[in-house]
Amino acid sequence: MNRVLLVSDPEIECSESFVERLRTIGIDVCNARDEAACLRGLQQLSPDFLLVDPAEHLTTLESLLALLERGGGCPGRVAVLVTGRQSDQDLADSWGWPRDQCFTRPSMKRG
């Protein structure tokens, strides 16, 4: 069974080749364009990883953390990864998140 990466950042457009490469190593990529879709995806897909930009979607991150705290129908553990325009270290410092779970937003082109 493949692991699932839920991307909740409309600025990240994963190329088909990137998505296919992840699929070959056992990771399916799903996108959520807004907070409601993110929370729905979290509950329905039970993703292994969630990539979110709190600067763009702060309520998504706050809602997500509250949902995870309550158990919210989310079986297992979801690794929450933070992305943004800042460096990994700046993201970690700004959001109080572990540096190894922070990533500068990748520049991805369609195709």
PDB file of N, CA and C in Angstrom:
ATOM      1  N   MET A   1       0.846  -1.178   0.000  1.00  0.00           N
ATOM      2  CA  MET A   1       0.000   0.000   0.000  1.00  0.00           C
ATOM      3  C   MET A   1       0.898   1.250   0.000  1.00  0.00           C
ATOM      4  N   ASN A   2       0.624   2.148  -0.904  1.00  0.00           N
ATOM      5  CA  ASN A   2       1.422   3.366  -1.017  1.00  0.00           C
ATOM      6  C   ASN A   2       1.151   4.321   0.144  1.00  0.00           C
ATOM      7  N   ARG A   3       2.166   5.099   0.472  1.00  0.00           N
ATOM      8  CA  ARG A   3       1.995   6.183   1.426  1.00  0.00           C
ATOM      9  C   ARG A   3       1.389   7.366   0.675  1.00  0.00           C
ATOM     10  N   VAL A   4       0.795   8.308   1.400  1.00  0.00           N
ATOM     11  CA  VAL A   4       0.097   9.436   0.786  1.00  0.00           C
ATOM     12  C   VAL A   4       0.696  10.756   1.267  1.00  0.00           C
ATOM     13  N   LEU A   5       0.996  11.631   0.310  1.00  0.00           N
ATOM     14  CA  LEU A   5       1.424  13.001   0.579  1.00  0.00           C
ATOM     15  C   LEU A   5       0.277  13.912   0.178  1.00  0.00           C
ATOM     16  N   LEU A   6      -0.270  14.666   1.145  1.00  0.00           N
ATOM     17  CA  LEU A   6      -1.320  15.639   0.875  1.00  0.00           C
ATOM     18  C   LEU A   6      -0.662  17.016   0.831  1.00  0.00           C
ATOM     19  N   VAL A   7      -0.758  17.681  -0.310  1.00  0.00           N
ATOM     20  CA  VAL A   7      -0.159  19.002  -0.489  1.00  0.00           C
ATOM     21  C   VAL A   7      -1.254  20.049  -0.348  1.00  0.00           C
ATOM     22  N   SER A   8      -1.151  20.886   0.678  1.00  0.00           N
ATOM     23  CA  SER A   8      -2.126  21.947   0.898  1.00  0.00           C
ATOM     24  C   SER A   8      -1.432  23.287   0.696  1.00  0.00           C
ATOM     25  N   ASP A   9      -1.048  23.524  -0.520  1.00  0.00           N
ATOM     26  CA  ASP A   9      -0.384  24.771  -0.907  1.00  0.00           C
ATOM     27  C   ASP A   9      -0.633  24.965  -2.385  1.00  0.00           C
ATOM     28  N   PRO A  10      -1.592  25.850  -2.751  1.00  0.00           N
ATOM     29  CA  PRO A  10      -1.961  26.001  -4.159  1.00  0.00           C
ATOM     30  C   PRO A  10      -0.827  26.519  -5.039  1.00  0.00           C
ATOM     31  N   GLU A  11       0.221  27.071  -4.434  1.00  0.00           N
ATOM     32  CA  GLU A  11       1.326  27.553  -5.253  1.00  0.00           C
ATOM     33  C   GLU A  11       2.246  26.433  -5.711  1.00  0.00           C
ATOM     34  N   ILE A  12       2.155  25.275  -5.072  1.00  0.00           N
ATOM     35  CA  ILE A  12       2.990  24.154  -5.494  1.00  0.00           C
ATOM     36  C   ILE A  12       2.218  23.351  -6.521  1.00  0.00           C
ATOM     37  N   GLU A  13       2.716  23.370  -7.718  1.00  0.00           N
ATOM     38  CA  GLU A  13       2.135  22.591  -8.803  1.00  0.00           C
ATOM     39  C   GLU A  13       3.151  21.511  -9.165  1.00  0.00           C
ATOM     40  N   CYS A  14       2.912  20.309  -8.709  1.00  0.00           N
ATOM     41  CA  CYS A  14       3.843  19.214  -8.970  1.00  0.00           C
ATOM     42  C   CYS A  14       3.753  18.773 -10.424  1.00  0.00           C
ATOM     43  N   SER A  15       4.894  18.649 -11.052  1.00  0.00           N
ATOM     44  CA  SER A  15       4.925  18.194 -12.436  1.00  0.00           C
ATOM     45  C   SER A  15       4.518  16.726 -12.496  1.00  0.00           C
ATOM     46  N   GLU A  16       4.038  16.319 -13.647  1.00  0.00           N
ATOM     47  CA  GLU A  16       3.640  14.926 -13.821  1.00  0.00           C
ATOM     48  C   GLU A  16       4.818  13.999 -13.585  1.00  0.00           C
ATOM     49  N   SER A  17       6.005  14.407 -14.052  1.00  0.00           N
ATOM     50  CA  SER A  17       7.178  13.550 -13.881  1.00  0.00           C
ATOM     51  C   SER A  17       7.546  13.418 -12.400  1.00  0.00           C
ATOM     52  N   PHE A  18       7.387  14.496 -11.631  1.00  0.00           N
ATOM     53  CA  PHE A  18       7.681  14.454 -10.206  1.00  0.00           C
ATOM     54  C   PHE A  18       6.691  13.532  -9.491  1.00  0.00           C
ATOM     55  N   VAL A  19       5.413  13.681  -9.801  1.00  0.00           N
ATOM     56  CA  VAL A  19       4.376  12.847  -9.185  1.00  0.00           C
ATOM     57  C   VAL A  19       4.614  11.382  -9.536  1.00  0.00           C
ATOM     58  N   GLU A  20       4.964  11.121 -10.796  1.00  0.00           N
ATOM     59  CA  GLU A  20       5.229   9.747 -11.241  1.00  0.00           C
ATOM     60  C   GLU A  20       6.442   9.169 -10.510  1.00  0.00           C
ATOM     61  N   ARG A  21       7.462   9.982 -10.316  1.00  0.00           N
ATOM     62  CA  ARG A  21       8.659   9.522  -9.599  1.00  0.00           C
ATOM     63  C   ARG A  21       8.302   9.159  -8.160  1.00  0.00           C
ATOM     64  N   LEU A  22       7.502   9.993  -7.510  1.00  0.00           N
ATOM     65  CA  LEU A  22       7.069   9.665  -6.150  1.00  0.00           C
ATOM     66  C   LEU A  22       6.260   8.375  -6.137  1.00  0.00           C
ATOM     67  N   ARG A  23       5.417   8.209  -7.140  1.00  0.00           N
ATOM     68  CA  ARG A  23       4.594   6.995  -7.209  1.00  0.00           C
ATOM     69  C   ARG A  23       5.472   5.750  -7.326  1.00  0.00           C
ATOM     70  N   THR A  24       6.576   5.854  -8.077  1.00  0.00           N
ATOM     71  CA  THR A  24       7.453   4.686  -8.237  1.00  0.00           C
ATOM     72  C   THR A  24       8.152   4.304  -6.936  1.00  0.00           C
ATOM     73  N   ILE A  25       8.256   5.245  -6.007  1.00  0.00           N
ATOM     74  CA  ILE A  25       8.859   4.909  -4.713  1.00  0.00           C
ATOM     75  C   ILE A  25       7.786   4.730  -3.632  1.00  0.00           C
ATOM     76  N   GLY A  26       6.525   4.617  -4.066  1.00  0.00           N
ATOM     77  CA  GLY A  26       5.452   4.273  -3.146  1.00  0.00           C
ATOM     78  C   GLY A  26       4.755   5.423  -2.457  1.00  0.00           C
ATOM     79  N   ILE A  27       4.773   6.614  -3.079  1.00  0.00           N
ATOM     80  CA  ILE A  27       4.093   7.772  -2.487  1.00  0.00           C
ATOM     81  C   ILE A  27       3.103   8.342  -3.496  1.00  0.00           C
ATOM     82  N   ASP A  28       1.826   8.366  -3.126  1.00  0.00           N
ATOM     83  CA  ASP A  28       0.799   8.997  -3.953  1.00  0.00           C
ATOM     84  C   ASP A  28       0.650  10.449  -3.518  1.00  0.00           C
ATOM     85  N   VAL A  29       0.492  11.355  -4.490  1.00  0.00           N
ATOM     86  CA  VAL A  29       0.369  12.784  -4.206  1.00  0.00           C
ATOM     87  C   VAL A  29      -1.073  13.219  -4.449  1.00  0.00           C
ATOM     88  N   CYS A  30      -1.658  13.895  -3.445  1.00  0.00           N
ATOM     89  CA  CYS A  30      -2.995  14.470  -3.564  1.00  0.00           C
ATOM     90  C   CYS A  30      -2.885  15.950  -3.223  1.00  0.00           C
ATOM     91  N   ASN A  31      -3.705  16.778  -3.858  1.00  0.00           N
ATOM     92  CA  ASN A  31      -3.672  18.218  -3.626  1.00  0.00           C
ATOM     93  C   ASN A  31      -4.961  18.694  -2.977  1.00  0.00           C
ATOM     94  N   ALA A  32      -4.812  19.649  -2.069  1.00  0.00           N
ATOM     95  CA  ALA A  32      -5.949  20.307  -1.440  1.00  0.00           C
ATOM     96  C   ALA A  32      -5.770  21.799  -1.675  1.00  0.00           C
ATOM     97  N   ARG A  33      -6.719  22.433  -2.302  1.00  0.00           N
ATOM     98  CA  ARG A  33      -6.581  23.836  -2.698  1.00  0.00           C
ATOM     99  C   ARG A  33      -7.028  24.840  -1.642  1.00  0.00           C
ATOM    100  N   ASP A  34      -7.738  24.359  -0.608  1.00  0.00           N
ATOM    101  CA  ASP A  34      -8.179  25.283   0.435  1.00  0.00           C
ATOM    102  C   ASP A  34      -8.303  24.519   1.745  1.00  0.00           C
ATOM    103  N   GLU A  35      -8.629  25.247   2.807  1.00  0.00           N
ATOM    104  CA  GLU A  35      -8.680  24.638   4.136  1.00  0.00           C
ATOM    105  C   GLU A  35      -9.692  23.502   4.204  1.00  0.00           C
ATOM    106  N   ALA A  36     -10.878  23.706   3.656  1.00  0.00           N
ATOM    107  CA  ALA A  36     -11.908  22.672   3.714  1.00  0.00           C
ATOM    108  C   ALA A  36     -11.445  21.394   3.022  1.00  0.00           C
ATOM    109  N   ALA A  37     -10.832  21.542   1.845  1.00  0.00           N
ATOM    110  CA  ALA A  37     -10.331  20.370   1.115  1.00  0.00           C
ATOM    111  C   ALA A  37      -9.205  19.683   1.885  1.00  0.00           C
ATOM    112  N   CYS A  38      -8.388  20.479   2.547  1.00  0.00           N
ATOM    113  CA  CYS A  38      -7.291  19.926   3.343  1.00  0.00           C
ATOM    114  C   CYS A  38      -7.830  19.085   4.494  1.00  0.00           C
ATOM    115  N   LEU A  39      -8.767  19.623   5.228  1.00  0.00           N
ATOM    116  CA  LEU A  39      -9.321  18.899   6.366  1.00  0.00           C
ATOM    117  C   LEU A  39     -10.095  17.665   5.920  1.00  0.00           C
ATOM    118  N   ARG A  40     -10.823  17.783   4.804  1.00  0.00           N
ATOM    119  CA  ARG A  40     -11.531  16.627   4.242  1.00  0.00           C
ATOM    120  C   ARG A  40     -10.526  15.545   3.828  1.00  0.00           C
ATOM    121  N   GLY A  41      -9.464  15.976   3.136  1.00  0.00           N
ATOM    122  CA  GLY A  41      -8.439  15.033   2.699  1.00  0.00           C
ATOM    123  C   GLY A  41      -7.750  14.361   3.865  1.00  0.00           C
ATOM    124  N   LEU A  42      -7.534  15.111   4.917  1.00  0.00           N
ATOM    125  CA  LEU A  42      -6.897  14.564   6.104  1.00  0.00           C
ATOM    126  C   LEU A  42      -7.745  13.438   6.699  1.00  0.00           C
ATOM    127  N   GLN A  43      -9.039  13.653   6.746  1.00  0.00           N
ATOM    128  CA  GLN A  43      -9.931  12.655   7.319  1.00  0.00           C
ATOM    129  C   GLN A  43     -10.175  11.480   6.377  1.00  0.00           C
ATOM    130  N   GLN A  44     -10.335  11.752   5.083  1.00  0.00           N
ATOM    131  CA  GLN A  44     -10.684  10.690   4.138  1.00  0.00           C
ATOM    132  C   GLN A  44      -9.489   9.890   3.645  1.00  0.00           C
ATOM    133  N   LEU A  45      -8.355  10.542   3.472  1.00  0.00           N
ATOM    134  CA  LEU A  45      -7.192   9.876   2.891  1.00  0.00           C
ATOM    135  C   LEU A  45      -6.234   9.309   3.929  1.00  0.00           C
ATOM    136  N   SER A  46      -6.330   9.792   5.163  1.00  0.00           N
ATOM    137  CA  SER A  46      -5.385   9.405   6.213  1.00  0.00           C
ATOM    138  C   SER A  46      -3.949   9.479   5.694  1.00  0.00           C
ATOM    139  N   PRO A  47      -3.522  10.679   5.247  1.00  0.00           N
ATOM    140  CA  PRO A  47      -2.192  10.788   4.643  1.00  0.00           C
ATOM    141  C   PRO A  47      -1.080  10.543   5.657  1.00  0.00           C
ATOM    142  N   ASP A  48       0.050  10.128   5.125  1.00  0.00           N
ATOM    143  CA  ASP A  48       1.236   9.939   5.954  1.00  0.00           C
ATOM    144  C   ASP A  48       1.962  11.264   6.152  1.00  0.00           C
ATOM    145  N   PHE A  49       1.844  12.144   5.145  1.00  0.00           N
ATOM    146  CA  PHE A  49       2.528  13.434   5.156  1.00  0.00           C
ATOM    147  C   PHE A  49       1.559  14.527   4.717  1.00  0.00           C
ATOM    148  N   LEU A  50       1.664  15.689   5.347  1.00  0.00           N
ATOM    149  CA  LEU A  50       0.904  16.866   4.926  1.00  0.00           C
ATOM    150  C   LEU A  50       1.906  17.996   4.740  1.00  0.00           C
ATOM    151  N   LEU A  51       1.906  18.597   3.565  1.00  0.00           N
ATOM    152  CA  LEU A  51       2.777  19.735   3.274  1.00  0.00           C
ATOM    153  C   LEU A  51       1.903  20.977   3.223  1.00  0.00           C
ATOM    154  N   VAL A  52       2.166  21.954   4.116  1.00  0.00           N
ATOM    155  CA  VAL A  52       1.327  23.141   4.222  1.00  0.00           C
ATOM    156  C   VAL A  52       2.198  24.379   4.393  1.00  0.00           C
ATOM    157  N   ASP A  53       1.737  25.506   3.838  1.00  0.00           N
ATOM    158  CA  ASP A  53       2.415  26.792   4.008  1.00  0.00           C
ATOM    159  C   ASP A  53       1.601  27.613   4.993  1.00  0.00           C
ATOM    160  N   PRO A  54       2.038  27.714   6.249  1.00  0.00           N
ATOM    161  CA  PRO A  54       1.241  28.437   7.244  1.00  0.00           C
ATOM    162  C   PRO A  54       1.115  29.927   6.958  1.00  0.00           C
ATOM    163  N   ALA A  55       2.047  30.506   6.228  1.00  0.00           N
ATOM    164  CA  ALA A  55       1.935  31.936   5.902  1.00  0.00           C
ATOM    165  C   ALA A  55       0.759  32.167   4.961  1.00  0.00           C
ATOM    166  N   GLU A  56       0.505  31.217   4.094  1.00  0.00           N
ATOM    167  CA  GLU A  56      -0.606  31.313   3.143  1.00  0.00           C
ATOM    168  C   GLU A  56      -1.891  30.760   3.739  1.00  0.00           C
ATOM    169  N   HIS A  57      -1.755  29.792   4.608  1.00  0.00           N
ATOM    170  CA  HIS A  57      -2.920  29.052   5.112  1.00  0.00           C
ATOM    171  C   HIS A  57      -2.813  28.842   6.613  1.00  0.00           C
ATOM    172  N   LEU A  58      -2.657  29.912   7.360  1.00  0.00           N
ATOM    173  CA  LEU A  58      -2.486  29.791   8.806  1.00  0.00           C
ATOM    174  C   LEU A  58      -3.668  29.085   9.449  1.00  0.00           C
ATOM    175  N   THR A  59      -4.870  29.374   9.008  1.00  0.00           N
ATOM    176  CA  THR A  59      -6.019  28.707   9.622  1.00  0.00           C
ATOM    177  C   THR A  59      -5.984  27.212   9.338  1.00  0.00           C
ATOM    178  N   THR A  60      -5.442  26.811   8.185  1.00  0.00           N
ATOM    179  CA  THR A  60      -5.328  25.382   7.890  1.00  0.00           C
ATOM    180  C   THR A  60      -4.430  24.718   8.912  1.00  0.00           C
ATOM    181  N   LEU A  61      -3.291  25.327   9.187  1.00  0.00           N
ATOM    182  CA  LEU A  61      -2.361  24.742  10.147  1.00  0.00           C
ATOM    183  C   LEU A  61      -2.983  24.706  11.545  1.00  0.00           C
ATOM    184  N   GLU A  62      -3.619  25.797  11.960  1.00  0.00           N
ATOM    185  CA  GLU A  62      -4.254  25.825  13.279  1.00  0.00           C
ATOM    186  C   GLU A  62      -5.384  24.797  13.364  1.00  0.00           C
ATOM    187  N   SER A  63      -6.214  24.716  12.333  1.00  0.00           N
ATOM    188  CA  SER A  63      -7.319  23.749  12.321  1.00  0.00           C
ATOM    189  C   SER A  63      -6.778  22.325  12.310  1.00  0.00           C
ATOM    190  N   LEU A  64      -5.742  22.120  11.535  1.00  0.00           N
ATOM    191  CA  LEU A  64      -5.137  20.802  11.442  1.00  0.00           C
ATOM    192  C   LEU A  64      -4.617  20.350  12.802  1.00  0.00           C
ATOM    193  N   LEU A  65      -3.880  21.217  13.466  1.00  0.00           N
ATOM    194  CA  LEU A  65      -3.324  20.849  14.760  1.00  0.00           C
ATOM    195  C   LEU A  65      -4.425  20.578  15.779  1.00  0.00           C
ATOM    196  N   ALA A  66      -5.481  21.374  15.749  1.00  0.00           N
ATOM    197  CA  ALA A  66      -6.611  21.148  16.650  1.00  0.00           C
ATOM    198  C   ALA A  66      -7.279  19.809  16.342  1.00  0.00           C
ATOM    199  N   LEU A  67      -7.453  19.506  15.059  1.00  0.00           N
ATOM    200  CA  LEU A  67      -8.066  18.249  14.644  1.00  0.00           C
ATOM    201  C   LEU A  67      -7.213  17.068  15.084  1.00  0.00           C
ATOM    202  N   LEU A  68      -5.906  17.164  14.905  1.00  0.00           N
ATOM    203  CA  LEU A  68      -5.019  16.079  15.304  1.00  0.00           C
ATOM    204  C   LEU A  68      -5.030  15.887  16.819  1.00  0.00           C
ATOM    205  N   GLU A  69      -5.106  16.984  17.549  1.00  0.00           N
ATOM    206  CA  GLU A  69      -5.149  16.910  19.015  1.00  0.00           C
ATOM    207  C   GLU A  69      -6.393  16.179  19.495  1.00  0.00           C
ATOM    208  N   ARG A  70      -7.523  16.428  18.826  1.00  0.00           N
ATOM    209  CA  ARG A  70      -8.795  15.805  19.213  1.00  0.00           C
ATOM    210  C   ARG A  70      -8.914  14.383  18.694  1.00  0.00           C
ATOM    211  N   GLY A  71      -8.048  13.975  17.800  1.00  0.00           N
ATOM    212  CA  GLY A  71      -8.177  12.652  17.197  1.00  0.00           C
ATOM    213  C   GLY A  71      -8.938  12.722  15.899  1.00  0.00           C
ATOM    214  N   GLY A  72      -9.879  13.609  15.776  1.00  0.00           N
ATOM    215  CA  GLY A  72     -10.619  13.986  14.575  1.00  0.00           C
ATOM    216  C   GLY A  72     -10.754  12.991  13.450  1.00  0.00           C
ATOM    217  N   GLY A  73     -10.864  11.708  13.727  1.00  0.00           N
ATOM    218  CA  GLY A  73     -11.048  10.741  12.660  1.00  0.00           C
ATOM    219  C   GLY A  73      -9.815  10.538  11.819  1.00  0.00           C
ATOM    220  N   CYS A  74      -8.656  10.920  12.322  1.00  0.00           N
ATOM    221  CA  CYS A  74      -7.398  10.794  11.589  1.00  0.00           C
ATOM    222  C   CYS A  74      -6.578   9.672  12.207  1.00  0.00           C
ATOM    223  N   PRO A  75      -6.718   8.450  11.674  1.00  0.00           N
ATOM    224  CA  PRO A  75      -5.966   7.351  12.266  1.00  0.00           C
ATOM    225  C   PRO A  75      -4.467   7.512  12.021  1.00  0.00           C
ATOM    226  N   GLY A  76      -3.683   7.026  12.950  1.00  0.00           N
ATOM    227  CA  GLY A  76      -2.235   7.059  12.774  1.00  0.00           C
ATOM    228  C   GLY A  76      -1.668   8.447  12.938  1.00  0.00           C
ATOM    229  N   ARG A  77      -0.415   8.572  12.622  1.00  0.00           N
ATOM    230  CA  ARG A  77       0.295   9.848  12.746  1.00  0.00           C
ATOM    231  C   ARG A  77       0.507  10.455  11.374  1.00  0.00           C
ATOM    232  N   VAL A  78       0.310  11.749  11.301  1.00  0.00           N
ATOM    233  CA  VAL A  78       0.553  12.495  10.077  1.00  0.00           C
ATOM    234  C   VAL A  78       1.784  13.358  10.325  1.00  0.00           C
ATOM    235  N   ALA A  79       2.781  13.238   9.468  1.00  0.00           N
ATOM    236  CA  ALA A  79       3.957  14.101   9.578  1.00  0.00           C
ATOM    237  C   ALA A  79       3.613  15.420   8.895  1.00  0.00           C
ATOM    238  N   VAL A  80       3.545  16.493   9.678  1.00  0.00           N
ATOM    239  CA  VAL A  80       3.214  17.811   9.141  1.00  0.00           C
ATOM    240  C   VAL A  80       4.509  18.500   8.734  1.00  0.00           C
ATOM    241  N   LEU A  81       4.620  18.792   7.455  1.00  0.00           N
ATOM    242  CA  LEU A  81       5.791  19.449   6.903  1.00  0.00           C
ATOM    243  C   LEU A  81       5.414  20.872   6.532  1.00  0.00           C
ATOM    244  N   VAL A  82       6.242  21.835   6.918  1.00  0.00           N
ATOM    245  CA  VAL A  82       5.969  23.251   6.668  1.00  0.00           C
ATOM    246  C   VAL A  82       6.802  23.714   5.488  1.00  0.00           C
ATOM    247  N   THR A  83       6.169  24.460   4.596  1.00  0.00           N
ATOM    248  CA  THR A  83       6.878  25.015   3.441  1.00  0.00           C
ATOM    249  C   THR A  83       6.605  26.511   3.354  1.00  0.00           C
ATOM    250  N   GLY A  84       7.409  27.190   2.584  1.00  0.00           N
ATOM    251  CA  GLY A  84       7.234  28.627   2.390  1.00  0.00           C
ATOM    252  C   GLY A  84       8.386  29.191   1.590  1.00  0.00           C
ATOM    253  N   ARG A  85       8.371  30.488   1.435  1.00  0.00           N
ATOM    254  CA  ARG A  85       9.399  31.153   0.628  1.00  0.00           C
ATOM    255  C   ARG A  85      10.710  31.346   1.390  1.00  0.00           C
ATOM    256  N   GLN A  86      10.663  31.234   2.711  1.00  0.00           N
ATOM    257  CA  GLN A  86      11.849  31.446   3.532  1.00  0.00           C
ATOM    258  C   GLN A  86      12.758  30.216   3.520  1.00  0.00           C
ATOM    259  N   SER A  87      13.946  30.375   4.090  1.00  0.00           N
ATOM    260  CA  SER A  87      14.860  29.244   4.232  1.00  0.00           C
ATOM    261  C   SER A  87      14.286  28.275   5.263  1.00  0.00           C
ATOM    262  N   ASP A  88      14.801  27.053   5.261  1.00  0.00           N
ATOM    263  CA  ASP A  88      14.359  26.051   6.228  1.00  0.00           C
ATOM    264  C   ASP A  88      14.490  26.574   7.660  1.00  0.00           C
ATOM    265  N   GLN A  89      15.634  27.168   7.965  1.00  0.00           N
ATOM    266  CA  GLN A  89      15.888  27.664   9.316  1.00  0.00           C
ATOM    267  C   GLN A  89      14.935  28.803   9.670  1.00  0.00           C
ATOM    268  N   ASP A  90      14.704  29.732   8.735  1.00  0.00           N
ATOM    269  CA  ASP A  90      13.789  30.839   9.005  1.00  0.00           C
ATOM    270  C   ASP A  90      12.364  30.340   9.226  1.00  0.00           C
ATOM    271  N   LEU A  91      11.945  29.341   8.450  1.00  0.00           N
ATOM    272  CA  LEU A  91      10.616  28.754   8.648  1.00  0.00           C
ATOM    273  C   LEU A  91      10.520  28.127  10.035  1.00  0.00           C
ATOM    274  N   ALA A  92      11.541  27.379  10.416  1.00  0.00           N
ATOM    275  CA  ALA A  92      11.543  26.741  11.733  1.00  0.00           C
ATOM    276  C   ALA A  92      11.464  27.788  12.839  1.00  0.00           C
ATOM    277  N   ASP A  93      12.250  28.861  12.709  1.00  0.00           N
ATOM    278  CA  ASP A  93      12.252  29.918  13.716  1.00  0.00           C
ATOM    279  C   ASP A  93      10.915  30.657  13.758  1.00  0.00           C
ATOM    280  N   SER A  94      10.350  30.948  12.576  1.00  0.00           N
ATOM    281  CA  SER A  94       9.100  31.709  12.493  1.00  0.00           C
ATOM    282  C   SER A  94       7.911  30.945  13.058  1.00  0.00           C
ATOM    283  N   TRP A  95       7.847  29.655  12.785  1.00  0.00           N
ATOM    284  CA  TRP A  95       6.666  28.873  13.142  1.00  0.00           C
ATOM    285  C   TRP A  95       6.886  27.960  14.328  1.00  0.00           C
ATOM    286  N   GLY A  96       8.111  27.939  14.864  1.00  0.00           N
ATOM    287  CA  GLY A  96       8.365  27.070  15.998  1.00  0.00           C
ATOM    288  C   GLY A  96       8.241  25.600  15.641  1.00  0.00           C
ATOM    289  N   TRP A  97       8.647  25.266  14.444  1.00  0.00           N
ATOM    290  CA  TRP A  97       8.521  23.911  13.924  1.00  0.00           C
ATOM    291  C   TRP A  97       9.912  23.292  13.834  1.00  0.00           C
ATOM    292  N   PRO A  98      10.056  21.983  13.972  1.00  0.00           N
ATOM    293  CA  PRO A  98      11.384  21.382  13.840  1.00  0.00           C
ATOM    294  C   PRO A  98      11.984  21.654  12.453  1.00  0.00           C
ATOM    295  N   ARG A  99      13.256  22.008  12.426  1.00  0.00           N
ATOM    296  CA  ARG A  99      13.895  22.371  11.156  1.00  0.00           C
ATOM    297  C   ARG A  99      13.838  21.240  10.134  1.00  0.00           C
ATOM    298  N   ASP A 100      13.952  19.998  10.589  1.00  0.00           N
ATOM    299  CA  ASP A 100      13.944  18.886   9.633  1.00  0.00           C
ATOM    300  C   ASP A 100      12.560  18.627   9.050  1.00  0.00           C
ATOM    301  N   GLN A 101      11.548  19.404   9.487  1.00  0.00           N
ATOM    302  CA  GLN A 101      10.214  19.303   8.919  1.00  0.00           C
ATOM    303  C   GLN A 101       9.825  20.591   8.192  1.00  0.00           C
ATOM    304  N   CYS A 102      10.824  21.420   7.877  1.00  0.00           N
ATOM    305  CA  CYS A 102      10.604  22.679   7.167  1.00  0.00           C
ATOM    306  C   CYS A 102      11.373  22.664   5.845  1.00  0.00           C
ATOM    307  N   PHE A 103      10.715  23.127   4.791  1.00  0.00           N
ATOM    308  CA  PHE A 103      11.306  23.092   3.459  1.00  0.00           C
ATOM    309  C   PHE A 103      10.978  24.363   2.696  1.00  0.00           C
ATOM    310  N   THR A 104      12.005  24.954   2.098  1.00  0.00           N
ATOM    311  CA  THR A 104      11.763  26.085   1.213  1.00  0.00           C
ATOM    312  C   THR A 104      10.898  25.584   0.065  1.00  0.00           C
ATOM    313  N   ARG A 105       9.861  26.366  -0.275  1.00  0.00           N
ATOM    314  CA  ARG A 105       8.933  25.947  -1.330  1.00  0.00           C
ATOM    315  C   ARG A 105       9.708  25.655  -2.610  1.00  0.00           C
ATOM    316  N   PRO A 106       9.527  24.468  -3.161  1.00  0.00           N
ATOM    317  CA  PRO A 106      10.224  24.140  -4.407  1.00  0.00           C
ATOM    318  C   PRO A 106       9.626  24.898  -5.578  1.00  0.00           C
ATOM    319  N   SER A 107      10.469  25.202  -6.540  1.00  0.00           N
ATOM    320  CA  SER A 107       9.987  25.782  -7.795  1.00  0.00           C
ATOM    321  C   SER A 107       9.746  24.635  -8.746  1.00  0.00           C
ATOM    322  N   MET A 108       8.496  24.387  -9.042  1.00  0.00           N
ATOM    323  CA  MET A 108       8.171  23.251  -9.904  1.00  0.00           C
ATOM    324  C   MET A 108       7.403  23.742 -11.107  1.00  0.00           C
ATOM    325  N   LYS A 109       7.812  23.259 -12.247  1.00  0.00           N
ATOM    326  CA  LYS A 109       7.134  23.595 -13.491  1.00  0.00           C
ATOM    327  C   LYS A 109       6.298  22.419 -13.931  1.00  0.00           C
ATOM    328  N   ARG A 110       5.190  22.715 -14.524  1.00  0.00           N
ATOM    329  CA  ARG A 110       4.315  21.646 -15.060  1.00  0.00           C
ATOM    330  C   ARG A 110       5.028  20.928 -16.188  1.00  0.00           C
ATOM    331  N   GLY A 111       4.663  19.640 -16.335  1.00  0.00           N
ATOM    332  CA  GLY A 111       5.177  18.913 -17.490  1.00  0.00           C
ATOM    333  C   GLY A 111       5.840  17.724 -17.172  1.00  0.00           C
TER     334      GLY A 111
END
